[in-house]
Amino acid sequence: MEKEIRKYKTYMTVVKVGTLAIASLVLFAAATILPTNTATIGYGIF
């Protein structure tokens, strides 16, 4: 049981990191493509 919980926690951490990585990539792409909208997009997410 303990092993399962640890596995689940590790999985959740990986998912969180992956989500953050994808979000930052999207923000970076948006900043590159639409320099004028960067502030608006950043403000909308945070």
PDB file of N, CA and C in Angstrom:
ATOM      1  N   MET A   1       0.841  -1.204   0.000  1.00  0.00           N
ATOM      2  CA  MET A   1       0.000   0.000   0.000  1.00  0.00           C
ATOM      3  C   MET A   1       0.876   1.254   0.000  1.00  0.00           C
ATOM      4  N   GLU A   2       1.895   1.243   0.852  1.00  0.00           N
ATOM      5  CA  GLU A   2       2.807   2.394   0.945  1.00  0.00           C
ATOM      6  C   GLU A   2       3.479   2.660  -0.400  1.00  0.00           C
ATOM      7  N   LYS A   3       3.846   1.577  -1.077  1.00  0.00           N
ATOM      8  CA  LYS A   3       4.511   1.704  -2.375  1.00  0.00           C
ATOM      9  C   LYS A   3       3.585   2.367  -3.392  1.00  0.00           C
ATOM     10  N   GLU A   4       2.313   1.994  -3.351  1.00  0.00           N
ATOM     11  CA  GLU A   4       1.342   2.558  -4.289  1.00  0.00           C
ATOM     12  C   GLU A   4       1.195   4.064  -4.091  1.00  0.00           C
ATOM     13  N   ILE A   5       1.137   4.488  -2.820  1.00  0.00           N
ATOM     14  CA  ILE A   5       0.996   5.916  -2.512  1.00  0.00           C
ATOM     15  C   ILE A   5       2.206   6.682  -3.032  1.00  0.00           C
ATOM     16  N   ARG A   6       3.385   6.124  -2.804  1.00  0.00           N
ATOM     17  CA  ARG A   6       4.615   6.778  -3.258  1.00  0.00           C
ATOM     18  C   ARG A   6       4.623   6.891  -4.782  1.00  0.00           C
ATOM     19  N   LYS A   7       4.184   5.820  -5.450  1.00  0.00           N
ATOM     20  CA  LYS A   7       4.129   5.813  -6.909  1.00  0.00           C
ATOM     21  C   LYS A   7       3.167   6.897  -7.403  1.00  0.00           C
ATOM     22  N   TYR A   8       2.022   7.009  -6.722  1.00  0.00           N
ATOM     23  CA  TYR A   8       1.016   8.003  -7.094  1.00  0.00           C
ATOM     24  C   TYR A   8       1.568   9.412  -6.929  1.00  0.00           C
ATOM     25  N   LYS A   9       2.261   9.663  -5.800  1.00  0.00           N
ATOM     26  CA  LYS A   9       2.841  10.987  -5.550  1.00  0.00           C
ATOM     27  C   LYS A   9       3.870  11.330  -6.624  1.00  0.00           C
ATOM     28  N   THR A  10       4.703  10.365  -6.978  1.00  0.00           N
ATOM     29  CA  THR A  10       5.710  10.578  -8.020  1.00  0.00           C
ATOM     30  C   THR A  10       5.022  10.920  -9.333  1.00  0.00           C
ATOM     31  N   TYR A  11       3.967  10.162  -9.652  1.00  0.00           N
ATOM     32  CA  TYR A  11       3.211  10.391 -10.885  1.00  0.00           C
ATOM     33  C   TYR A  11       2.634  11.797 -10.915  1.00  0.00           C
ATOM     34  N   MET A  12       2.048  12.237  -9.795  1.00  0.00           N
ATOM     35  CA  MET A  12       1.458  13.572  -9.721  1.00  0.00           C
ATOM     36  C   MET A  12       2.527  14.644  -9.912  1.00  0.00           C
ATOM     37  N   THR A  13       3.700  14.441  -9.323  1.00  0.00           N
ATOM     38  CA  THR A  13       4.799  15.396  -9.477  1.00  0.00           C
ATOM     39  C   THR A  13       5.196  15.502 -10.942  1.00  0.00           C
ATOM     40  N   VAL A  14       5.318  14.358 -11.610  1.00  0.00           N
ATOM     41  CA  VAL A  14       5.683  14.339 -13.030  1.00  0.00           C
ATOM     42  C   VAL A  14       4.635  15.084 -13.852  1.00  0.00           C
ATOM     43  N   VAL A  15       3.360  14.838 -13.538  1.00  0.00           N
ATOM     44  CA  VAL A  15       2.277  15.504 -14.266  1.00  0.00           C
ATOM     45  C   VAL A  15       2.353  17.014 -14.067  1.00  0.00           C
ATOM     46  N   LYS A  16       2.571  17.449 -12.815  1.00  0.00           N
ATOM     47  CA  LYS A  16       2.665  18.885 -12.522  1.00  0.00           C
ATOM     48  C   LYS A  16       3.818  19.520 -13.284  1.00  0.00           C
ATOM     49  N   VAL A  17       4.981  18.885 -13.241  1.00  0.00           N
ATOM     50  CA  VAL A  17       6.163  19.412 -13.934  1.00  0.00           C
ATOM     51  C   VAL A  17       5.906  19.468 -15.439  1.00  0.00           C
ATOM     52  N   GLY A  18       5.309  18.408 -15.965  1.00  0.00           N
ATOM     53  CA  GLY A  18       5.003  18.371 -17.394  1.00  0.00           C
ATOM     54  C   GLY A  18       4.039  19.469 -17.795  1.00  0.00           C
ATOM     55  N   THR A  19       3.009  19.684 -16.974  1.00  0.00           N
ATOM     56  CA  THR A  19       2.034  20.738 -17.250  1.00  0.00           C
ATOM     57  C   THR A  19       2.704  22.100 -17.246  1.00  0.00           C
ATOM     58  N   LEU A  20       3.554  22.340 -16.241  1.00  0.00           N
ATOM     59  CA  LEU A  20       4.277  23.612 -16.159  1.00  0.00           C
ATOM     60  C   LEU A  20       5.169  23.802 -17.375  1.00  0.00           C
ATOM     61  N   ALA A  21       5.855  22.742 -17.789  1.00  0.00           N
ATOM     62  CA  ALA A  21       6.753  22.823 -18.943  1.00  0.00           C
ATOM     63  C   ALA A  21       5.972  23.173 -20.202  1.00  0.00           C
ATOM     64  N   ILE A  22       4.821  22.516 -20.401  1.00  0.00           N
ATOM     65  CA  ILE A  22       3.991  22.786 -21.573  1.00  0.00           C
ATOM     66  C   ILE A  22       3.471  24.215 -21.538  1.00  0.00           C
ATOM     67  N   ALA A  23       3.021  24.661 -20.354  1.00  0.00           N
ATOM     68  CA  ALA A  23       2.499  26.022 -20.213  1.00  0.00           C
ATOM     69  C   ALA A  23       3.567  27.054 -20.548  1.00  0.00           C
ATOM     70  N   SER A  24       4.788  26.835 -20.055  1.00  0.00           N
ATOM     71  CA  SER A  24       5.859  27.795 -20.328  1.00  0.00           C
ATOM     72  C   SER A  24       6.237  27.771 -21.808  1.00  0.00           C
ATOM     73  N   LEU A  25       6.201  26.602 -22.433  1.00  0.00           N
ATOM     74  CA  LEU A  25       6.470  26.509 -23.873  1.00  0.00           C
ATOM     75  C   LEU A  25       5.421  27.279 -24.662  1.00  0.00           C
ATOM     76  N   VAL A  26       4.159  27.123 -24.274  1.00  0.00           N
ATOM     77  CA  VAL A  26       3.068  27.835 -24.945  1.00  0.00           C
ATOM     78  C   VAL A  26       3.246  29.335 -24.780  1.00  0.00           C
ATOM     79  N   LEU A  27       3.566  29.763 -23.556  1.00  0.00           N
ATOM     80  CA  LEU A  27       3.799  31.191 -23.304  1.00  0.00           C
ATOM     81  C   LEU A  27       4.954  31.708 -24.148  1.00  0.00           C
ATOM     82  N   PHE A  28       6.024  30.925 -24.218  1.00  0.00           N
ATOM     83  CA  PHE A  28       7.198  31.329 -24.994  1.00  0.00           C
ATOM     84  C   PHE A  28       6.841  31.455 -26.475  1.00  0.00           C
ATOM     85  N   ALA A  29       6.098  30.476 -26.986  1.00  0.00           N
ATOM     86  CA  ALA A  29       5.679  30.508 -28.386  1.00  0.00           C
ATOM     87  C   ALA A  29       4.792  31.719 -28.648  1.00  0.00           C
ATOM     88  N   ALA A  30       3.870  31.982 -27.729  1.00  0.00           N
ATOM     89  CA  ALA A  30       2.971  33.128 -27.874  1.00  0.00           C
ATOM     90  C   ALA A  30       3.767  34.427 -27.853  1.00  0.00           C
ATOM     91  N   ALA A  31       4.773  34.495 -26.974  1.00  0.00           N
ATOM     92  CA  ALA A  31       5.592  35.699 -26.874  1.00  0.00           C
ATOM     93  C   ALA A  31       6.391  35.907 -28.158  1.00  0.00           C
ATOM     94  N   THR A  32       6.798  34.814 -28.777  1.00  0.00           N
ATOM     95  CA  THR A  32       7.575  34.914 -30.012  1.00  0.00           C
ATOM     96  C   THR A  32       6.683  35.324 -31.180  1.00  0.00           C
ATOM     97  N   ILE A  33       5.494  34.718 -31.256  1.00  0.00           N
ATOM     98  CA  ILE A  33       4.597  34.966 -32.388  1.00  0.00           C
ATOM     99  C   ILE A  33       3.869  36.303 -32.238  1.00  0.00           C
ATOM    100  N   LEU A  34       3.404  36.592 -31.026  1.00  0.00           N
ATOM    101  CA  LEU A  34       2.599  37.802 -30.804  1.00  0.00           C
ATOM    102  C   LEU A  34       3.233  38.693 -29.748  1.00  0.00           C
ATOM    103  N   PRO A  35       4.257  39.462 -30.111  1.00  0.00           N
ATOM    104  CA  PRO A  35       4.939  40.295 -29.112  1.00  0.00           C
ATOM    105  C   PRO A  35       4.004  41.305 -28.448  1.00  0.00           C
ATOM    106  N   THR A  36       2.981  41.750 -29.164  1.00  0.00           N
ATOM    107  CA  THR A  36       2.086  42.773 -28.624  1.00  0.00           C
ATOM    108  C   THR A  36       1.156  42.198 -27.566  1.00  0.00           C
ATOM    109  N   ASN A  37       0.834  40.913 -27.673  1.00  0.00           N
ATOM    110  CA  ASN A  37      -0.146  40.312 -26.762  1.00  0.00           C
ATOM    111  C   ASN A  37       0.487  39.624 -25.561  1.00  0.00           C
ATOM    112  N   THR A  38       1.803  39.653 -25.441  1.00  0.00           N
ATOM    113  CA  THR A  38       2.490  38.908 -24.383  1.00  0.00           C
ATOM    114  C   THR A  38       1.986  39.302 -23.003  1.00  0.00           C
ATOM    115  N   ALA A  39       1.914  40.599 -22.739  1.00  0.00           N
ATOM    116  CA  ALA A  39       1.493  41.078 -21.423  1.00  0.00           C
ATOM    117  C   ALA A  39       0.076  40.607 -21.118  1.00  0.00           C
ATOM    118  N   THR A  40      -0.804  40.686 -22.105  1.00  0.00           N
ATOM    119  CA  THR A  40      -2.195  40.282 -21.911  1.00  0.00           C
ATOM    120  C   THR A  40      -2.283  38.795 -21.606  1.00  0.00           C
ATOM    121  N   ILE A  41      -1.567  37.979 -22.364  1.00  0.00           N
ATOM    122  CA  ILE A  41      -1.601  36.528 -22.165  1.00  0.00           C
ATOM    123  C   ILE A  41      -1.055  36.174 -20.786  1.00  0.00           C
ATOM    124  N   GLY A  42       0.090  36.752 -20.429  1.00  0.00           N
ATOM    125  CA  GLY A  42       0.686  36.481 -19.127  1.00  0.00           C
ATOM    126  C   GLY A  42      -0.249  36.870 -17.998  1.00  0.00           C
ATOM    127  N   TYR A  43      -0.892  38.013 -18.142  1.00  0.00           N
ATOM    128  CA  TYR A  43      -1.804  38.490 -17.105  1.00  0.00           C
ATOM    129  C   TYR A  43      -3.013  37.569 -16.998  1.00  0.00           C
ATOM    130  N   GLY A  44      -3.475  37.062 -18.130  1.00  0.00           N
ATOM    131  CA  GLY A  44      -4.637  36.179 -18.131  1.00  0.00           C
ATOM    132  C   GLY A  44      -4.362  34.869 -17.419  1.00  0.00           C
ATOM    133  N   ILE A  45      -3.124  34.357 -17.538  1.00  0.00           N
ATOM    134  CA  ILE A  45      -2.805  33.065 -16.919  1.00  0.00           C
ATOM    135  C   ILE A  45      -2.534  33.231 -15.433  1.00  0.00           C
ATOM    136  N   PHE A  46      -1.750  34.253 -15.074  1.00  0.00           N
ATOM    137  CA  PHE A  46      -1.389  34.415 -13.664  1.00  0.00           C
ATOM    138  C   PHE A  46      -2.358  35.375 -12.988  1.00  0.00           C
TER     139      PHE A  46
END
